[in-house]
Amino acid sequence: MAIKEIAEKLYTLDFEYENGFCRLQEEFSVKGEDCVLMWLYRIGTPLYSGDLAKKLSLTSGRIANILRTLEQKKFVTRSTDLNDGRKVLVTLTTAGKKHIEKINKRNVAKRAEILEALGEGDAAEYLRITQRILQVLNS
C-alpha cells in the first residue's frame, strides 16, 4: 500500500476515533490543576510559576489561579525567591504527590485494560510505533 493511501486511511480513521479513542483520551488527559501537579511530580524539583506557565502554555493569570487552588488544597506550597522577589517557587507537597500518584495509577490501569484486549504482541507493536512517531515529531 502506498504512503498516500495509508495516510488517507489514517485520516478517515481519525473520524471513527472520535466516538471511542478521543473519549478515552479525554478520560486519560491531565488538565489544569492535575497537569501542574504532574509536571512538578515528573520534574521532581520545585519550579518557578513562570516556568510552569511556559511549559504548559498558560497565562500568568491562569497559572496563578491554579496555584492558588492547589495551595488551598495543600497540594503545593508557594514561596518567594530570596534572590529575586518577583519569582515564585512552587513545590509539590506530600499530599500533592499522593494525589497525582493516585491519578497515575488509575490511568495506567485503564491503559492496561485496553492493551490486554490487544494482546501482548499488538500492544508491544503499538508502543513501538507510538515511540517512533514521537521520534519523528520531535526531530
N, C-alpha and C. Protein backbone atom coordinates (compact mmCIF):
# COMPACT_ATOMS: atom_id res chain seq x y z
N MET A 1 0.86 -1.17 0.00
CA MET A 1 0.00 0.00 0.00
C MET A 1 0.90 1.24 0.00
N ALA A 2 0.59 2.20 -0.82
CA ALA A 2 1.38 3.43 -0.94
C ALA A 2 1.18 4.31 0.29
N ILE A 3 2.19 5.11 0.59
CA ILE A 3 2.14 6.01 1.76
C ILE A 3 0.92 6.92 1.71
N LYS A 4 0.62 7.49 0.53
CA LYS A 4 -0.52 8.40 0.43
C LYS A 4 -1.83 7.67 0.75
N GLU A 5 -1.96 6.44 0.29
CA GLU A 5 -3.16 5.65 0.56
C GLU A 5 -3.28 5.34 2.06
N ILE A 6 -2.16 5.02 2.68
CA ILE A 6 -2.15 4.77 4.12
C ILE A 6 -2.55 6.04 4.87
N ALA A 7 -2.00 7.17 4.43
CA ALA A 7 -2.32 8.46 5.07
C ALA A 7 -3.81 8.75 4.96
N GLU A 8 -4.40 8.47 3.80
CA GLU A 8 -5.84 8.69 3.62
C GLU A 8 -6.66 7.79 4.54
N LYS A 9 -6.25 6.53 4.69
CA LYS A 9 -6.96 5.61 5.57
C LYS A 9 -6.84 6.06 7.03
N LEU A 10 -5.65 6.51 7.43
CA LEU A 10 -5.47 7.01 8.79
C LEU A 10 -6.31 8.26 9.03
N TYR A 11 -6.37 9.12 8.02
CA TYR A 11 -7.17 10.34 8.13
C TYR A 11 -8.64 9.98 8.33
N THR A 12 -9.12 8.98 7.60
CA THR A 12 -10.50 8.51 7.74
C THR A 12 -10.74 7.92 9.12
N LEU A 13 -9.77 7.16 9.61
CA LEU A 13 -9.89 6.57 10.94
C LEU A 13 -9.98 7.62 12.04
N ASP A 14 -9.36 8.77 11.82
CA ASP A 14 -9.42 9.84 12.81
C ASP A 14 -10.86 10.16 13.20
N PHE A 15 -11.76 10.15 12.22
CA PHE A 15 -13.16 10.47 12.50
C PHE A 15 -13.83 9.35 13.29
N GLU A 16 -13.45 8.11 13.04
CA GLU A 16 -14.01 6.99 13.79
C GLU A 16 -13.53 7.01 15.24
N TYR A 17 -12.34 7.54 15.46
CA TYR A 17 -11.77 7.61 16.81
C TYR A 17 -12.60 8.51 17.73
N GLU A 18 -13.29 9.48 17.14
CA GLU A 18 -14.00 10.45 17.96
C GLU A 18 -14.94 9.80 18.96
N ASN A 19 -15.59 8.71 18.57
CA ASN A 19 -16.54 8.06 19.48
C ASN A 19 -15.85 7.23 20.54
N GLY A 20 -14.69 6.70 20.25
CA GLY A 20 -14.01 5.85 21.22
C GLY A 20 -12.70 6.40 21.70
N PHE A 21 -11.77 6.54 20.80
CA PHE A 21 -10.42 6.93 21.18
C PHE A 21 -10.35 8.33 21.79
N CYS A 22 -11.03 9.28 21.16
CA CYS A 22 -10.98 10.65 21.68
C CYS A 22 -11.64 10.74 23.05
N ARG A 23 -12.72 10.02 23.23
CA ARG A 23 -13.38 9.99 24.54
C ARG A 23 -12.44 9.39 25.58
N LEU A 24 -11.74 8.35 25.17
CA LEU A 24 -10.77 7.70 26.06
C LEU A 24 -9.63 8.65 26.39
N GLN A 25 -9.11 9.35 25.38
CA GLN A 25 -8.03 10.31 25.60
C GLN A 25 -8.49 11.40 26.57
N GLU A 26 -9.71 11.84 26.42
CA GLU A 26 -10.26 12.86 27.31
C GLU A 26 -10.28 12.34 28.75
N GLU A 27 -10.66 11.08 28.90
CA GLU A 27 -10.71 10.46 30.22
C GLU A 27 -9.32 10.36 30.83
N PHE A 28 -8.31 10.09 29.99
CA PHE A 28 -6.93 9.93 30.45
C PHE A 28 -6.22 11.27 30.64
N SER A 29 -6.72 12.30 30.00
CA SER A 29 -5.96 13.54 29.96
C SER A 29 -5.81 14.16 31.34
N VAL A 30 -4.73 14.85 31.48
CA VAL A 30 -4.43 15.53 32.72
C VAL A 30 -4.44 17.02 32.39
N LYS A 31 -5.39 17.75 32.96
CA LYS A 31 -5.56 19.16 32.63
C LYS A 31 -5.51 20.01 33.89
N GLY A 32 -5.35 21.31 33.68
CA GLY A 32 -5.45 22.27 34.76
C GLY A 32 -4.61 21.94 35.96
N GLU A 33 -5.28 21.79 37.09
CA GLU A 33 -4.58 21.54 38.36
C GLU A 33 -3.74 20.27 38.30
N ASP A 34 -4.33 19.20 37.79
CA ASP A 34 -3.61 17.93 37.75
C ASP A 34 -2.42 17.98 36.80
N CYS A 35 -2.52 18.76 35.75
CA CYS A 35 -1.41 18.91 34.82
C CYS A 35 -0.23 19.61 35.51
N VAL A 36 -0.51 20.62 36.28
CA VAL A 36 0.53 21.31 37.04
C VAL A 36 1.17 20.34 38.03
N LEU A 37 0.35 19.59 38.74
CA LEU A 37 0.88 18.61 39.69
C LEU A 37 1.73 17.55 38.98
N MET A 38 1.28 17.12 37.80
CA MET A 38 2.02 16.11 37.04
C MET A 38 3.41 16.63 36.66
N TRP A 39 3.48 17.89 36.21
CA TRP A 39 4.78 18.46 35.85
C TRP A 39 5.70 18.52 37.06
N LEU A 40 5.19 18.98 38.16
CA LEU A 40 6.01 19.06 39.38
C LEU A 40 6.47 17.67 39.80
N TYR A 41 5.59 16.70 39.68
CA TYR A 41 5.90 15.31 40.06
C TYR A 41 6.98 14.74 39.14
N ARG A 42 6.79 14.92 37.84
CA ARG A 42 7.74 14.35 36.87
C ARG A 42 9.10 15.03 36.93
N ILE A 43 9.13 16.33 37.11
CA ILE A 43 10.40 17.06 37.18
C ILE A 43 11.13 16.69 38.47
N GLY A 44 10.38 16.56 39.55
CA GLY A 44 10.97 16.11 40.81
C GLY A 44 11.62 17.20 41.65
N THR A 45 11.60 18.41 41.16
CA THR A 45 12.15 19.54 41.91
C THR A 45 11.18 20.71 41.81
N PRO A 46 11.26 21.65 42.74
CA PRO A 46 10.40 22.83 42.65
C PRO A 46 10.66 23.60 41.35
N LEU A 47 9.62 24.26 40.86
CA LEU A 47 9.73 25.07 39.64
C LEU A 47 9.17 26.46 39.91
N TYR A 48 9.67 27.42 39.15
CA TYR A 48 9.11 28.77 39.22
C TYR A 48 7.76 28.77 38.52
N SER A 49 6.84 29.56 39.04
CA SER A 49 5.50 29.62 38.45
C SER A 49 5.56 30.06 37.00
N GLY A 50 6.46 30.97 36.67
CA GLY A 50 6.61 31.41 35.29
C GLY A 50 7.07 30.29 34.37
N ASP A 51 7.95 29.43 34.86
CA ASP A 51 8.41 28.29 34.07
C ASP A 51 7.27 27.29 33.85
N LEU A 52 6.47 27.08 34.87
CA LEU A 52 5.30 26.20 34.73
C LEU A 52 4.34 26.76 33.68
N ALA A 53 4.09 28.05 33.74
CA ALA A 53 3.19 28.69 32.77
C ALA A 53 3.70 28.49 31.35
N LYS A 54 5.01 28.67 31.14
CA LYS A 54 5.59 28.48 29.80
C LYS A 54 5.47 27.03 29.35
N LYS A 55 5.84 26.09 30.21
CA LYS A 55 5.79 24.66 29.86
C LYS A 55 4.38 24.22 29.49
N LEU A 56 3.39 24.78 30.15
CA LEU A 56 2.01 24.37 29.96
C LEU A 56 1.22 25.30 29.04
N SER A 57 1.89 26.31 28.49
CA SER A 57 1.26 27.29 27.60
C SER A 57 0.06 27.96 28.27
N LEU A 58 0.26 28.40 29.50
CA LEU A 58 -0.78 29.08 30.26
C LEU A 58 -0.38 30.53 30.50
N THR A 59 -1.36 31.38 30.67
CA THR A 59 -1.07 32.77 31.01
C THR A 59 -0.65 32.84 32.47
N SER A 60 -0.02 33.94 32.83
CA SER A 60 0.39 34.10 34.23
C SER A 60 -0.82 34.15 35.15
N GLY A 61 -1.92 34.73 34.67
CA GLY A 61 -3.14 34.77 35.47
C GLY A 61 -3.74 33.39 35.69
N ARG A 62 -3.76 32.58 34.65
CA ARG A 62 -4.31 31.22 34.76
C ARG A 62 -3.47 30.37 35.71
N ILE A 63 -2.14 30.45 35.57
CA ILE A 63 -1.28 29.64 36.45
C ILE A 63 -1.43 30.11 37.90
N ALA A 64 -1.57 31.42 38.10
CA ALA A 64 -1.75 31.95 39.46
C ALA A 64 -3.03 31.40 40.08
N ASN A 65 -4.11 31.35 39.30
CA ASN A 65 -5.38 30.82 39.81
C ASN A 65 -5.27 29.33 40.15
N ILE A 66 -4.62 28.58 39.27
CA ILE A 66 -4.44 27.14 39.52
C ILE A 66 -3.61 26.94 40.78
N LEU A 67 -2.51 27.67 40.89
CA LEU A 67 -1.63 27.51 42.05
C LEU A 67 -2.32 27.91 43.35
N ARG A 68 -3.15 28.93 43.29
CA ARG A 68 -3.89 29.35 44.49
C ARG A 68 -4.81 28.21 44.95
N THR A 69 -5.51 27.61 44.01
CA THR A 69 -6.40 26.49 44.34
C THR A 69 -5.62 25.30 44.88
N LEU A 70 -4.50 24.98 44.22
CA LEU A 70 -3.67 23.85 44.68
C LEU A 70 -3.10 24.11 46.06
N GLU A 71 -2.76 25.35 46.33
CA GLU A 71 -2.23 25.70 47.65
C GLU A 71 -3.33 25.55 48.71
N GLN A 72 -4.55 25.96 48.38
CA GLN A 72 -5.67 25.80 49.32
C GLN A 72 -5.94 24.33 49.62
N LYS A 73 -5.72 23.48 48.62
CA LYS A 73 -5.90 22.03 48.81
C LYS A 73 -4.70 21.38 49.48
N LYS A 74 -3.68 22.18 49.75
CA LYS A 74 -2.43 21.70 50.38
C LYS A 74 -1.64 20.75 49.47
N PHE A 75 -1.81 20.90 48.14
CA PHE A 75 -1.08 20.07 47.18
C PHE A 75 0.26 20.70 46.78
N VAL A 76 0.38 22.01 46.93
CA VAL A 76 1.64 22.71 46.64
C VAL A 76 1.86 23.79 47.69
N THR A 77 3.11 24.21 47.77
CA THR A 77 3.43 25.42 48.53
C THR A 77 4.07 26.40 47.57
N ARG A 78 3.86 27.68 47.84
CA ARG A 78 4.49 28.73 47.03
C ARG A 78 5.35 29.58 47.95
N SER A 79 6.55 29.89 47.46
CA SER A 79 7.44 30.75 48.25
C SER A 79 8.15 31.72 47.31
N THR A 80 8.40 32.90 47.81
CA THR A 80 9.09 33.92 47.03
C THR A 80 10.57 33.61 47.00
N ASP A 81 11.16 33.73 45.82
CA ASP A 81 12.60 33.50 45.66
C ASP A 81 13.36 34.56 46.46
N LEU A 82 14.29 34.12 47.28
CA LEU A 82 15.05 35.05 48.13
C LEU A 82 15.94 35.98 47.32
N ASN A 83 16.41 35.52 46.16
CA ASN A 83 17.29 36.34 45.32
C ASN A 83 16.54 37.25 44.37
N ASP A 84 15.31 36.90 44.05
CA ASP A 84 14.50 37.70 43.13
C ASP A 84 13.05 37.64 43.60
N GLY A 85 12.64 38.66 44.32
CA GLY A 85 11.32 38.71 44.92
C GLY A 85 10.17 38.65 43.93
N ARG A 86 10.47 38.81 42.64
CA ARG A 86 9.41 38.74 41.62
C ARG A 86 9.07 37.30 41.26
N LYS A 87 9.94 36.37 41.61
CA LYS A 87 9.75 34.97 41.23
C LYS A 87 9.13 34.17 42.38
N VAL A 88 8.22 33.26 42.00
CA VAL A 88 7.55 32.40 42.98
C VAL A 88 7.93 30.96 42.69
N LEU A 89 8.48 30.30 43.70
CA LEU A 89 8.89 28.91 43.58
C LEU A 89 7.74 28.01 44.06
N VAL A 90 7.39 27.03 43.24
CA VAL A 90 6.27 26.13 43.54
C VAL A 90 6.83 24.75 43.87
N THR A 91 6.41 24.21 45.02
CA THR A 91 6.89 22.92 45.49
C THR A 91 5.72 21.98 45.70
N LEU A 92 5.84 20.75 45.22
CA LEU A 92 4.83 19.73 45.43
C LEU A 92 4.90 19.23 46.87
N THR A 93 3.75 19.15 47.52
CA THR A 93 3.70 18.64 48.90
C THR A 93 3.49 17.12 48.88
N THR A 94 3.58 16.52 50.04
CA THR A 94 3.32 15.08 50.15
C THR A 94 1.89 14.76 49.71
N ALA A 95 0.94 15.61 50.10
CA ALA A 95 -0.47 15.40 49.71
C ALA A 95 -0.63 15.51 48.20
N GLY A 96 0.07 16.47 47.59
CA GLY A 96 0.02 16.62 46.13
C GLY A 96 0.62 15.42 45.43
N LYS A 97 1.71 14.92 45.98
CA LYS A 97 2.36 13.74 45.40
C LYS A 97 1.43 12.53 45.48
N LYS A 98 0.78 12.33 46.61
CA LYS A 98 -0.15 11.21 46.77
C LYS A 98 -1.32 11.32 45.79
N HIS A 99 -1.82 12.55 45.61
CA HIS A 99 -2.93 12.78 44.69
C HIS A 99 -2.55 12.40 43.27
N ILE A 100 -1.41 12.86 42.81
CA ILE A 100 -1.01 12.60 41.42
C ILE A 100 -0.62 11.14 41.23
N GLU A 101 -0.08 10.51 42.25
CA GLU A 101 0.23 9.07 42.15
C GLU A 101 -1.05 8.25 42.00
N LYS A 102 -2.12 8.69 42.66
CA LYS A 102 -3.42 8.02 42.54
C LYS A 102 -3.95 8.15 41.10
N ILE A 103 -3.82 9.33 40.53
CA ILE A 103 -4.26 9.55 39.15
C ILE A 103 -3.41 8.72 38.19
N ASN A 104 -2.11 8.70 38.41
CA ASN A 104 -1.22 7.90 37.56
C ASN A 104 -1.61 6.43 37.60
N LYS A 105 -1.86 5.92 38.79
CA LYS A 105 -2.22 4.51 38.96
C LYS A 105 -3.52 4.20 38.21
N ARG A 106 -4.50 5.07 38.34
CA ARG A 106 -5.78 4.88 37.65
C ARG A 106 -5.59 4.87 36.13
N ASN A 107 -4.81 5.83 35.61
CA ASN A 107 -4.62 5.92 34.17
C ASN A 107 -3.81 4.74 33.61
N VAL A 108 -2.83 4.28 34.35
CA VAL A 108 -2.05 3.11 33.91
C VAL A 108 -2.96 1.88 33.88
N ALA A 109 -3.82 1.73 34.87
CA ALA A 109 -4.74 0.58 34.92
C ALA A 109 -5.70 0.60 33.73
N LYS A 110 -6.21 1.77 33.38
CA LYS A 110 -7.13 1.88 32.23
C LYS A 110 -6.41 1.53 30.94
N ARG A 111 -5.19 2.01 30.78
CA ARG A 111 -4.41 1.68 29.58
C ARG A 111 -4.11 0.18 29.53
N ALA A 112 -3.81 -0.40 30.68
CA ALA A 112 -3.51 -1.83 30.73
C ALA A 112 -4.71 -2.66 30.27
N GLU A 113 -5.92 -2.24 30.63
CA GLU A 113 -7.14 -2.95 30.19
C GLU A 113 -7.22 -2.97 28.67
N ILE A 114 -6.96 -1.84 28.05
CA ILE A 114 -7.03 -1.74 26.59
C ILE A 114 -5.93 -2.57 25.95
N LEU A 115 -4.73 -2.45 26.47
CA LEU A 115 -3.60 -3.20 25.91
C LEU A 115 -3.80 -4.70 26.09
N GLU A 116 -4.40 -5.10 27.18
CA GLU A 116 -4.70 -6.52 27.42
C GLU A 116 -5.61 -7.05 26.31
N ALA A 117 -6.60 -6.24 25.93
CA ALA A 117 -7.52 -6.65 24.85
C ALA A 117 -6.78 -6.78 23.52
N LEU A 118 -5.75 -5.97 23.31
CA LEU A 118 -4.96 -6.07 22.08
C LEU A 118 -4.10 -7.32 22.04
N GLY A 119 -3.68 -7.76 23.20
CA GLY A 119 -2.74 -8.87 23.27
C GLY A 119 -1.32 -8.33 23.34
N GLU A 120 -0.42 -9.15 23.87
CA GLU A 120 0.94 -8.70 24.12
C GLU A 120 1.67 -8.26 22.85
N GLY A 121 1.52 -9.02 21.77
CA GLY A 121 2.22 -8.69 20.53
C GLY A 121 1.78 -7.35 19.95
N ASP A 122 0.46 -7.16 19.82
CA ASP A 122 -0.05 -5.90 19.27
C ASP A 122 0.23 -4.74 20.21
N ALA A 123 0.15 -4.98 21.51
CA ALA A 123 0.44 -3.92 22.48
C ALA A 123 1.89 -3.47 22.35
N ALA A 124 2.81 -4.41 22.22
CA ALA A 124 4.23 -4.07 22.05
C ALA A 124 4.45 -3.32 20.74
N GLU A 125 3.75 -3.73 19.70
CA GLU A 125 3.88 -3.06 18.39
C GLU A 125 3.31 -1.64 18.47
N TYR A 126 2.19 -1.49 19.16
CA TYR A 126 1.60 -0.17 19.35
C TYR A 126 2.58 0.76 20.07
N LEU A 127 3.22 0.24 21.10
CA LEU A 127 4.21 1.02 21.84
C LEU A 127 5.37 1.41 20.93
N ARG A 128 5.87 0.45 20.17
CA ARG A 128 7.00 0.72 19.27
C ARG A 128 6.64 1.81 18.26
N ILE A 129 5.48 1.69 17.65
CA ILE A 129 5.07 2.67 16.64
C ILE A 129 4.85 4.04 17.27
N THR A 130 4.22 4.08 18.43
CA THR A 130 4.00 5.35 19.12
C THR A 130 5.32 6.03 19.46
N GLN A 131 6.29 5.26 19.94
CA GLN A 131 7.61 5.82 20.23
C GLN A 131 8.27 6.34 18.97
N ARG A 132 8.11 5.62 17.88
CA ARG A 132 8.71 6.05 16.60
C ARG A 132 8.07 7.34 16.10
N ILE A 133 6.76 7.43 16.22
CA ILE A 133 6.05 8.66 15.81
C ILE A 133 6.56 9.84 16.63
N LEU A 134 6.74 9.65 17.93
CA LEU A 134 7.26 10.73 18.77
C LEU A 134 8.67 11.13 18.36
N GLN A 135 9.49 10.16 17.98
CA GLN A 135 10.84 10.48 17.49
C GLN A 135 10.76 11.36 16.25
N VAL A 136 9.88 11.00 15.33
CA VAL A 136 9.73 11.78 14.09
C VAL A 136 9.23 13.18 14.40
N LEU A 137 8.23 13.28 15.26
CA LEU A 137 7.66 14.59 15.60
C LEU A 137 8.65 15.48 16.33
N ASN A 138 9.53 14.88 17.11
CA ASN A 138 10.48 15.66 17.90
C ASN A 138 11.81 15.91 17.20
N SER A 139 11.94 15.42 15.98
CA SER A 139 13.23 15.63 15.28
C SER A 139 13.20 16.86 14.41
